C-alpha atoms as a PDB file:
ATOM      1  CA  UNK A   1      58.620 120.363 101.396  1.00  0.00           C
ATOM      2  CA  UNK A   2      60.935 116.992 101.454  1.00  0.00           C
ATOM      3  CA  UNK A   3      64.083 117.068  99.672  1.00  0.00           C
ATOM      4  CA  UNK A   4      64.938 113.812  98.409  1.00  0.00           C
ATOM      5  CA  UNK A   5      68.983 113.526  98.146  1.00  0.00           C
ATOM      6  CA  UNK A   6      69.894 110.757  95.845  1.00  0.00           C
ATOM      7  CA  UNK A   7      73.279 108.783  94.908  1.00  0.00           C
ATOM      8  CA  UNK A   8      74.155 105.401  93.103  1.00  0.00           C
ATOM      9  CA  UNK A   9      76.218 102.520  94.043  1.00  0.00           C
ATOM     10  CA  UNK A  10      77.455  99.544  91.786  1.00  0.00           C
ATOM     11  CA  UNK A  11      78.268  99.778  88.153  1.00  0.00           C
ATOM     12  CA  UNK A  12      75.444  99.686  85.709  1.00  0.00           C
ATOM     13  CA  UNK A  13      77.749  98.712  82.923  1.00  0.00           C
ATOM     14  CA  UNK A  14      80.041  96.395  84.616  1.00  0.00           C
ATOM     15  CA  UNK A  15      79.234  92.640  84.514  1.00  0.00           C
ATOM     16  CA  UNK A  16      81.443  92.190  88.031  1.00  0.00           C
ATOM     17  CA  UNK A  17      78.526  93.975  89.597  1.00  0.00           C
ATOM     18  CA  UNK A  18      75.263  92.138  89.613  1.00  0.00           C
ATOM     19  CA  UNK A  19      73.191  94.917  91.230  1.00  0.00           C
ATOM     20  CA  UNK A  20      72.833  98.559  90.619  1.00  0.00           C
ATOM     21  CA  UNK A  21      71.385 100.808  93.430  1.00  0.00           C
ATOM     22  CA  UNK A  22      70.058 104.268  93.548  1.00  0.00           C
ATOM     23  CA  UNK A  23      69.021 105.392  97.063  1.00  0.00           C
ATOM     24  CA  UNK A  24      69.159 108.219  99.453  1.00  0.00           C
ATOM     25  CA  UNK A  25      67.343 110.270 102.136  1.00  0.00           C
ATOM     26  CA  UNK A  26      64.329 112.485 102.080  1.00  0.00           C
ATOM     27  CA  UNK A  27      64.878 115.130 104.349  1.00  0.00           C
ATOM     28  CA  UNK A  28      62.167 117.959 105.778  1.00  0.00           C
ATOM     29  CA  UNK A  29      63.263 121.371 104.767  1.00  0.00           C
ATOM     30  CA  UNK A  30      63.655 122.414 108.134  1.00  0.00           C
ATOM     31  CA  UNK A  31      65.582 119.403 109.190  1.00  0.00           C
ATOM     32  CA  UNK A  32      68.483 119.853 106.299  1.00  0.00           C
ATOM     33  CA  UNK A  33      70.439 122.201 108.400  1.00  0.00           C
ATOM     34  CA  UNK A  34      70.585 120.440 111.621  1.00  0.00           C
ATOM     35  CA  UNK A  35      71.431 116.874 109.810  1.00  0.00           C
ATOM     36  CA  UNK A  36      74.029 118.448 107.936  1.00  0.00           C
ATOM     37  CA  UNK A  37      75.425 119.896 111.192  1.00  0.00           C
ATOM     38  CA  UNK A  38      75.431 116.411 112.928  1.00  0.00           C
ATOM     39  CA  UNK A  39      77.713 115.142 110.155  1.00  0.00           C
ATOM     40  CA  UNK A  40      79.782 118.531 110.399  1.00  0.00           C
ATOM     41  CA  UNK A  41      80.356 117.709 114.031  1.00  0.00           C
ATOM     42  CA  UNK A  42      81.815 114.265 113.224  1.00  0.00           C
ATOM     43  CA  UNK A  43      84.645 115.984 111.370  1.00  0.00           C
ATOM     44  CA  UNK A  44      85.427 118.095 114.243  1.00  0.00           C
ATOM     45  CA  UNK A  45      85.631 115.337 116.462  1.00  0.00           C
ATOM     46  CA  UNK A  46      87.907 113.247 114.097  1.00  0.00           C
ATOM     47  CA  UNK A  47      89.743 115.821 112.246  1.00  0.00           C
ATOM     48  CA  UNK A  48      89.442 119.259 113.943  1.00  0.00           C
ATOM     49  CA  UNK A  49      90.468 122.469 112.254  1.00  0.00           C
ATOM     50  CA  UNK A  50      90.885 120.522 108.887  1.00  0.00           C
ATOM     51  CA  UNK A  51      89.125 121.678 105.502  1.00  0.00           C
ATOM     52  CA  UNK A  52      85.914 119.807 104.804  1.00  0.00           C
ATOM     53  CA  UNK A  53      86.235 116.170 104.112  1.00  0.00           C
ATOM     54  CA  UNK A  54      83.999 114.269 101.912  1.00  0.00           C
ATOM     55  CA  UNK A  55      82.405 111.218 103.388  1.00  0.00           C
ATOM     56  CA  UNK A  56      82.576 108.400 100.753  1.00  0.00           C
ATOM     57  CA  UNK A  57      81.590 105.220 102.109  1.00  0.00           C
ATOM     58  CA  UNK A  58      83.508 102.650  99.784  1.00  0.00           C
ATOM     59  CA  UNK A  59      86.594 104.759  99.872  1.00  0.00           C
ATOM     60  CA  UNK A  60      86.694 105.245 103.686  1.00  0.00           C
ATOM     61  CA  UNK A  61      86.053 101.178 103.961  1.00  0.00           C
ATOM     62  CA  UNK A  62      88.772 100.466 101.660  1.00  0.00           C
ATOM     63  CA  UNK A  63      91.235 102.973 102.700  1.00  0.00           C
ATOM     64  CA  UNK A  64      91.582 104.849  99.267  1.00  0.00           C
ATOM     65  CA  UNK A  65      92.591 108.367  98.531  1.00  0.00           C
ATOM     66  CA  UNK A  66      92.608 110.453 101.751  1.00  0.00           C
ATOM     67  CA  UNK A  67      91.741 107.494 103.863  1.00  0.00           C
ATOM     68  CA  UNK A  68      94.938 105.679 103.005  1.00  0.00           C
ATOM     69  CA  UNK A  69      96.738 107.681 105.729  1.00  0.00           C
ATOM     70  CA  UNK A  70      93.708 107.082 108.290  1.00  0.00           C
ATOM     71  CA  UNK A  71      93.922 104.044 110.661  1.00  0.00           C
ATOM     72  CA  UNK A  72      91.604 101.303 110.107  1.00  0.00           C
ATOM     73  CA  UNK A  73      89.974 101.632 113.470  1.00  0.00           C
ATOM     74  CA  UNK A  74      89.338 105.159 113.346  1.00  0.00           C
ATOM     75  CA  UNK A  75      87.799 104.622 109.787  1.00  0.00           C
ATOM     76  CA  UNK A  76      85.748 102.082 111.249  1.00  0.00           C
ATOM     77  CA  UNK A  77      84.606 104.279 114.092  1.00  0.00           C
ATOM     78  CA  UNK A  78      83.692 107.161 111.953  1.00  0.00           C
ATOM     79  CA  UNK A  79      81.639 104.944 109.621  1.00  0.00           C
ATOM     80  CA  UNK A  80      79.528 103.565 112.453  1.00  0.00           C
ATOM     81  CA  UNK A  81      79.127 107.266 113.817  1.00  0.00           C
ATOM     82  CA  UNK A  82      77.796 108.396 110.396  1.00  0.00           C
ATOM     83  CA  UNK A  83      75.570 105.410 110.131  1.00  0.00           C
ATOM     84  CA  UNK A  84      74.361 106.254 113.783  1.00  0.00           C
ATOM     85  CA  UNK A  85      73.590 109.817 112.667  1.00  0.00           C
ATOM     86  CA  UNK A  86      71.398 108.532 109.890  1.00  0.00           C
ATOM     87  CA  UNK A  87      69.767 106.261 112.443  1.00  0.00           C
ATOM     88  CA  UNK A  88      69.048 108.889 114.921  1.00  0.00           C
ATOM     89  CA  UNK A  89      68.015 111.684 112.651  1.00  0.00           C
ATOM     90  CA  UNK A  90      64.682 113.689 113.415  1.00  0.00           C
ATOM     91  CA  UNK A  91      61.985 110.523 113.320  1.00  0.00           C
ATOM     92  CA  UNK A  92      59.579 112.790 111.319  1.00  0.00           C
ATOM     93  CA  UNK A  93      62.304 114.818 109.286  1.00  0.00           C
ATOM     94  CA  UNK A  94      63.915 112.245 107.308  1.00  0.00           C
ATOM     95  CA  UNK A  95      62.824 108.945 105.571  1.00  0.00           C
ATOM     96  CA  UNK A  96      64.988 106.770 103.289  1.00  0.00           C
ATOM     97  CA  UNK A  97      64.602 105.098  99.604  1.00  0.00           C
ATOM     98  CA  UNK A  98      66.375 102.909  97.515  1.00  0.00           C
ATOM     99  CA  UNK A  99      65.852 100.967  94.503  1.00  0.00           C
ATOM    100  CA  UNK A 100      67.785  97.816  93.780  1.00  0.00           C
ATOM    101  CA  UNK A 101      67.962  96.476  89.989  1.00  0.00           C
ATOM    102  CA  UNK A 102      69.326  92.973  89.792  1.00  0.00           C
ATOM    103  CA  UNK A 103      70.681  93.182  86.279  1.00  0.00           C
ATOM    104  CA  UNK A 104      70.170  90.847  83.583  1.00  0.00           C
ATOM    105  CA  UNK A 105      70.447  90.536  79.662  1.00  0.00           C
ATOM    106  CA  UNK A 106      67.540  93.008  79.160  1.00  0.00           C
ATOM    107  CA  UNK A 107      68.113  95.514  82.112  1.00  0.00           C
ATOM    108  CA  UNK A 108      71.433  96.854  82.526  1.00  0.00           C
ATOM    109  CA  UNK A 109      73.442  99.982  81.707  1.00  0.00           C
ATOM    110  CA  UNK A 110      71.188 103.119  81.387  1.00  0.00           C
ATOM    111  CA  UNK A 111      67.992 100.999  81.241  1.00  0.00           C
ATOM    112  CA  UNK A 112      68.596 100.056  84.916  1.00  0.00           C
ATOM    113  CA  UNK A 113      69.412 103.455  85.919  1.00  0.00           C
ATOM    114  CA  UNK A 114      66.114 104.559  84.383  1.00  0.00           C
ATOM    115  CA  UNK A 115      64.198 101.848  85.889  1.00  0.00           C
ATOM    116  CA  UNK A 116      65.692 102.548  89.540  1.00  0.00           C
ATOM    117  CA  UNK A 117      64.925 106.385  89.051  1.00  0.00           C
ATOM    118  CA  UNK A 118      61.276 105.415  88.299  1.00  0.00           C
ATOM    119  CA  UNK A 119      60.990 103.126  91.148  1.00  0.00           C
ATOM    120  CA  UNK A 120      62.293 105.744  93.590  1.00  0.00           C
ATOM    121  CA  UNK A 121      60.268 108.480  92.080  1.00  0.00           C
ATOM    122  CA  UNK A 122      57.052 106.478  92.428  1.00  0.00           C
ATOM    123  CA  UNK A 123      57.776 105.357  95.810  1.00  0.00           C
ATOM    124  CA  UNK A 124      58.795 109.129  96.726  1.00  0.00           C
ATOM    125  CA  UNK A 125      55.559 110.335  95.444  1.00  0.00           C
ATOM    126  CA  UNK A 126      53.467 107.647  97.352  1.00  0.00           C
ATOM    127  CA  UNK A 127      55.099 108.665 100.437  1.00  0.00           C
ATOM    128  CA  UNK A 128      54.142 112.286  99.907  1.00  0.00           C
ATOM    129  CA  UNK A 129      50.580 111.460  98.832  1.00  0.00           C
ATOM    130  CA  UNK A 130      50.029 109.728 102.112  1.00  0.00           C
ATOM    131  CA  UNK A 131      52.233 112.022 104.254  1.00  0.00           C
ATOM    132  CA  UNK A 132      50.022 114.627 105.918  1.00  0.00           C
ATOM    133  CA  UNK A 133      52.068 116.120 109.118  1.00  0.00           C
ATOM    134  CA  UNK A 134      49.437 116.901 111.514  1.00  0.00           C
ATOM    135  CA  UNK A 135      46.761 115.402 109.423  1.00  0.00           C
ATOM    136  CA  UNK A 136      46.461 118.415 107.278  1.00  0.00           C
ATOM    137  CA  UNK A 137      49.489 119.606 105.553  1.00  0.00           C
ATOM    138  CA  UNK A 138      49.987 117.892 102.261  1.00  0.00           C
ATOM    139  CA  UNK A 139      53.689 117.804 101.112  1.00  0.00           C
ATOM    140  CA  UNK A 140      55.557 118.500  97.947  1.00  0.00           C
ATOM    141  CA  UNK A 141      59.004 116.827  96.973  1.00  0.00           C
ATOM    142  CA  UNK A 142      62.130 117.924  94.992  1.00  0.00           C
ATOM    143  CA  UNK A 143      64.944 115.596  93.723  1.00  0.00           C
ATOM    144  CA  UNK A 144      68.505 116.411  94.223  1.00  0.00           C
ATOM    145  CA  UNK A 145      70.877 114.054  92.488  1.00  0.00           C
ATOM    146  CA  UNK A 146      74.667 113.937  93.019  1.00  0.00           C
ATOM    147  CA  UNK A 147      76.248 115.229  89.743  1.00  0.00           C
ATOM    148  CA  UNK A 148      77.437 112.381  87.241  1.00  0.00           C
ATOM    149  CA  UNK A 149      76.869 110.572  84.190  1.00  0.00           C
ATOM    150  CA  UNK A 150      72.909 111.005  83.901  1.00  0.00           C
ATOM    151  CA  UNK A 151      72.185 114.614  84.550  1.00  0.00           C
ATOM    152  CA  UNK A 152      70.695 115.452  81.263  1.00  0.00           C
ATOM    153  CA  UNK A 153      68.886 112.029  80.847  1.00  0.00           C
ATOM    154  CA  UNK A 154      67.593 111.853  84.393  1.00  0.00           C
ATOM    155  CA  UNK A 155      65.965 115.386  83.781  1.00  0.00           C
ATOM    156  CA  UNK A 156      64.148 114.114  80.769  1.00  0.00           C
ATOM    157  CA  UNK A 157      62.929 110.752  82.682  1.00  0.00           C
ATOM    158  CA  UNK A 158      61.511 112.560  85.491  1.00  0.00           C
ATOM    159  CA  UNK A 159      59.735 115.206  83.229  1.00  0.00           C
ATOM    160  CA  UNK A 160      58.431 112.377  81.423  1.00  0.00           C
ATOM    161  CA  UNK A 161      57.192 110.510  84.677  1.00  0.00           C
ATOM    162  CA  UNK A 162      55.569 113.797  85.741  1.00  0.00           C
ATOM    163  CA  UNK A 163      53.770 114.526  82.401  1.00  0.00           C
ATOM    164  CA  UNK A 164      53.245 110.612  80.747  1.00  0.00           C
ATOM    165  CA  UNK A 165      53.365 108.986  84.139  1.00  0.00           C
ATOM    166  CA  UNK A 166      55.291 105.920  85.279  1.00  0.00           C
ATOM    167  CA  UNK A 167      54.150 102.329  84.910  1.00  0.00           C
ATOM    168  CA  UNK A 168      52.174 103.027  88.034  1.00  0.00           C
ATOM    169  CA  UNK A 169      50.632 106.387  87.103  1.00  0.00           C
ATOM    170  CA  UNK A 170      51.500 109.833  87.079  1.00  0.00           C
ATOM    171  CA  UNK A 171      53.684 111.596  89.648  1.00  0.00           C
ATOM    172  CA  UNK A 172      51.601 114.363  91.331  1.00  0.00           C
ATOM    173  CA  UNK A 173      53.518 115.561  94.263  1.00  0.00           C
ATOM    174  CA  UNK A 174      57.291 116.675  92.830  1.00  0.00           C
ATOM    175  CA  UNK A 175      57.437 120.603  92.768  1.00  0.00           C
ATOM    176  CA  UNK A 176      59.839 120.790  89.879  1.00  0.00           C
ATOM    177  CA  UNK A 177      62.349 118.817  87.692  1.00  0.00           C
ATOM    178  CA  UNK A 178      65.232 117.200  89.680  1.00  0.00           C
ATOM    179  CA  UNK A 179      68.270 119.446  90.408  1.00  0.00           C
ATOM    180  CA  UNK A 180      71.910 118.171  90.374  1.00  0.00           C
ATOM    181  CA  UNK A 181      74.800 119.173  93.100  1.00  0.00           C
ATOM    182  CA  UNK A 182      78.176 118.557  93.424  1.00  0.00           C
ATOM    183  CA  UNK A 183      78.694 115.957  96.332  1.00  0.00           C
ATOM    184  CA  UNK A 184      81.445 117.909  98.106  1.00  0.00           C
ATOM    185  CA  UNK A 185      79.145 120.786  98.269  1.00  0.00           C
ATOM    186  CA  UNK A 186      76.409 119.274 100.558  1.00  0.00           C
ATOM    187  CA  UNK A 187      76.669 116.524 103.514  1.00  0.00           C
ATOM    188  CA  UNK A 188      73.307 115.315 102.606  1.00  0.00           C
ATOM    189  CA  UNK A 189      74.520 114.081  99.274  1.00  0.00           C
ATOM    190  CA  UNK A 190      77.363 112.382 101.036  1.00  0.00           C
ATOM    191  CA  UNK A 191      74.646 111.049 103.339  1.00  0.00           C
ATOM    192  CA  UNK A 192      72.861 109.320 100.290  1.00  0.00           C
ATOM    193  CA  UNK A 193      76.195 107.916  99.279  1.00  0.00           C
ATOM    194  CA  UNK A 194      76.201 106.026 102.654  1.00  0.00           C
ATOM    195  CA  UNK A 195      72.662 104.869 102.059  1.00  0.00           C
ATOM    196  CA  UNK A 196      73.065 103.508  98.646  1.00  0.00           C
ATOM    197  CA  UNK A 197      76.457 101.803  99.502  1.00  0.00           C
ATOM    198  CA  UNK A 198      74.746 100.357 102.418  1.00  0.00           C
ATOM    199  CA  UNK A 199      72.110  98.901 100.248  1.00  0.00           C
ATOM    200  CA  UNK A 200      74.490  97.659  97.604  1.00  0.00           C
ATOM    201  CA  UNK A 201      76.606  95.633 100.337  1.00  0.00           C
ATOM    202  CA  UNK A 202      73.514  93.989 101.478  1.00  0.00           C
ATOM    203  CA  UNK A 203      72.258  92.877  98.010  1.00  0.00           C
ATOM    204  CA  UNK A 204      75.628  92.243  96.346  1.00  0.00           C
ATOM    205  CA  UNK A 205      77.695  91.020  99.234  1.00  0.00           C
ATOM    206  CA  UNK A 206      74.957  89.966 101.889  1.00  0.00           C
ATOM    207  CA  UNK A 207      76.931  92.229 104.088  1.00  0.00           C
ATOM    208  CA  UNK A 208      74.400  94.269 106.539  1.00  0.00           C
ATOM    209  CA  UNK A 209      77.089  95.597 108.802  1.00  0.00           C
ATOM    210  CA  UNK A 210      76.139  99.439 107.485  1.00  0.00           C
ATOM    211  CA  UNK A 211      72.352  99.028 106.666  1.00  0.00           C
ATOM    212  CA  UNK A 212      71.634  97.282 110.060  1.00  0.00           C
ATOM    213  CA  UNK A 213      71.904 100.518 111.740  1.00  0.00           C
ATOM    214  CA  UNK A 214      69.305 102.301 109.820  1.00  0.00           C
ATOM    215  CA  UNK A 215      66.899  99.715 107.983  1.00  0.00           C
ATOM    216  CA  UNK A 216      64.138 100.965 110.223  1.00  0.00           C
ATOM    217  CA  UNK A 217      64.607 104.441 108.529  1.00  0.00           C
ATOM    218  CA  UNK A 218      63.170 103.160 105.172  1.00  0.00           C
ATOM    219  CA  UNK A 219      59.766 104.191 104.354  1.00  0.00           C
ATOM    220  CA  UNK A 220      57.433 101.758 105.711  1.00  0.00           C
ATOM    221  CA  UNK A 221      53.539 101.429 106.363  1.00  0.00           C
ATOM    222  CA  UNK A 222      51.731  98.437 108.112  1.00  0.00           C
ATOM    223  CA  UNK A 223      54.795  96.471 108.359  1.00  0.00           C
ATOM    224  CA  UNK A 224      55.902  96.693 104.408  1.00  0.00           C
ATOM    225  CA  UNK A 225      58.723  98.423 103.706  1.00  0.00           C
ATOM    226  CA  UNK A 226      57.760 100.417 100.873  1.00  0.00           C
ATOM    227  CA  UNK A 227      61.097 102.589 100.751  1.00  0.00           C
ATOM    228  CA  UNK A 228      63.044  99.580  99.464  1.00  0.00           C
ATOM    229  CA  UNK A 229      62.220  98.319  95.750  1.00  0.00           C
ATOM    230  CA  UNK A 230      63.941  95.102  94.788  1.00  0.00           C
ATOM    231  CA  UNK A 231      63.600  94.274  91.021  1.00  0.00           C
ATOM    232  CA  UNK A 232      64.421  90.533  89.838  1.00  0.00           C
ATOM    233  CA  UNK A 233      63.697  89.020  86.983  1.00  0.00           C
ATOM    234  CA  UNK A 234      62.931  85.443  88.090  1.00  0.00           C
ATOM    235  CA  UNK A 235      59.851  85.956  90.472  1.00  0.00           C
ATOM    236  CA  UNK A 236      59.179  82.164  90.744  1.00  0.00           C
ATOM    237  CA  UNK A 237      62.254  81.984  93.036  1.00  0.00           C
ATOM    238  CA  UNK A 238      61.597  83.287  96.621  1.00  0.00           C
ATOM    239  CA  UNK A 239      63.623  86.216  97.662  1.00  0.00           C
ATOM    240  CA  UNK A 240      64.103  86.720 101.558  1.00  0.00           C
ATOM    241  CA  UNK A 241      65.515  90.332 101.298  1.00  0.00           C
ATOM    242  CA  UNK A 242      63.903  92.623 103.872  1.00  0.00           C
ATOM    243  CA  UNK A 243      62.180  94.405 100.731  1.00  0.00           C
ATOM    244  CA  UNK A 244      60.410  90.958  99.455  1.00  0.00           C
ATOM    245  CA  UNK A 245      59.961  89.443 103.048  1.00  0.00           C
ATOM    246  CA  UNK A 246      57.912  92.496 104.191  1.00  0.00           C
ATOM    247  CA  UNK A 247      55.497  92.147 101.114  1.00  0.00           C
ATOM    248  CA  UNK A 248      54.944  88.450 101.834  1.00  0.00           C
ATOM    249  CA  UNK A 249      54.681  88.800 105.554  1.00  0.00           C
ATOM    250  CA  UNK A 250      54.123  92.437 106.740  1.00  0.00           C
ATOM    251  CA  UNK A 251      56.679  92.847 109.647  1.00  0.00           C
ATOM    252  CA  UNK A 252      59.148  90.337 108.643  1.00  0.00           C
ATOM    253  CA  UNK A 253      62.834  91.511 107.628  1.00  0.00           C
ATOM    254  CA  UNK A 254      63.636  88.060 106.036  1.00  0.00           C
ATOM    255  CA  UNK A 255      66.782  86.042 106.867  1.00  0.00           C
ATOM    256  CA  UNK A 256      69.369  88.312 105.183  1.00  0.00           C
ATOM    257  CA  UNK A 257      70.081  90.233 108.629  1.00  0.00           C
ATOM    258  CA  UNK A 258      70.661  86.991 110.526  1.00  0.00           C
ATOM    259  CA  UNK A 259      74.364  87.941 110.524  1.00  0.00           C
ATOM    260  CA  UNK A 260      73.645  91.373 111.821  1.00  0.00           C
ATOM    261  CA  UNK A 261      70.421  91.569 113.811  1.00  0.00           C
ATOM    262  CA  UNK A 262      68.050  94.483 113.293  1.00  0.00           C
ATOM    263  CA  UNK A 263      68.239  97.154 116.273  1.00  0.00           C
END
C-alpha cells in the first residue's frame, strides 16, 4: 500500500496568491519509517537534544516563529538537506504528486481546493493502476491530509470521487476514505509541506530553488510528468512549465528551470 501525504500551499481565497497548490508524497508502507527517520536525523544534526521541531518550509525560509532565532545560513543549509532527503528517498518507495490551480473568476476558494483534490486523486489512482512492483503485486492507496479547513468537505469529495467518479472516471484503487493528521505528529506531512511549497514557489514566483532538487521524483512515464497537473483557463497561450512542456514534448522540462538546472 502507498500512503499519500498531502498539504496545501497558497491561499485559495486571497487574490494576492495567483495559484493554489495541493501536493505531497506517496510513500510505500515499508518506507515510511526510514524516510521519517532520515528527517529526524537532520534535527539531531542541527538541534541535538531538542524537542521535536516542525519543518515548515515557508516559515524556515522567512525566519518566522522558532526560526527567527536561527541564522539564515543554517536555515538555508537545513532546507537544502531536507530537499536532498526527498531527492534521495528510496526510488521505488516514494513518488511525488501535486496539482496547481491558476485561480480565475470561476475557480477560486473552495472550488479551487476541490479541483486540486480531484486532480491529485485521479493521478494517484492512475499511478496505482499501472504500478505493479515485480510485475504481479497490485497496490492500493490511502490519502492522509494535513488537518486544516477542509477536513469534512475533503472526505465528502473523495467519497464522491470513489462512488460517482471524477471527470476522468471512477477511482478504483483507494482503500478507504481520506484520513487527517496533525502536521506536528508526522514528519511525512512536513515533507508534504515542502513539496507543496516548492511547487508553489515555481508557479507563483518562478523560483525553482527548492523543486530543482526533486523534480525528477514526481510520477512520470515515457517522459511525461503525470505527477504534476497544471490547471489554467487560457489554453490558447502556450505554457512552458515542466508539467505542460512534458505533455507537448515528452522528456522536456520546459524553460522555467533555466535559472536552476535540473539535476
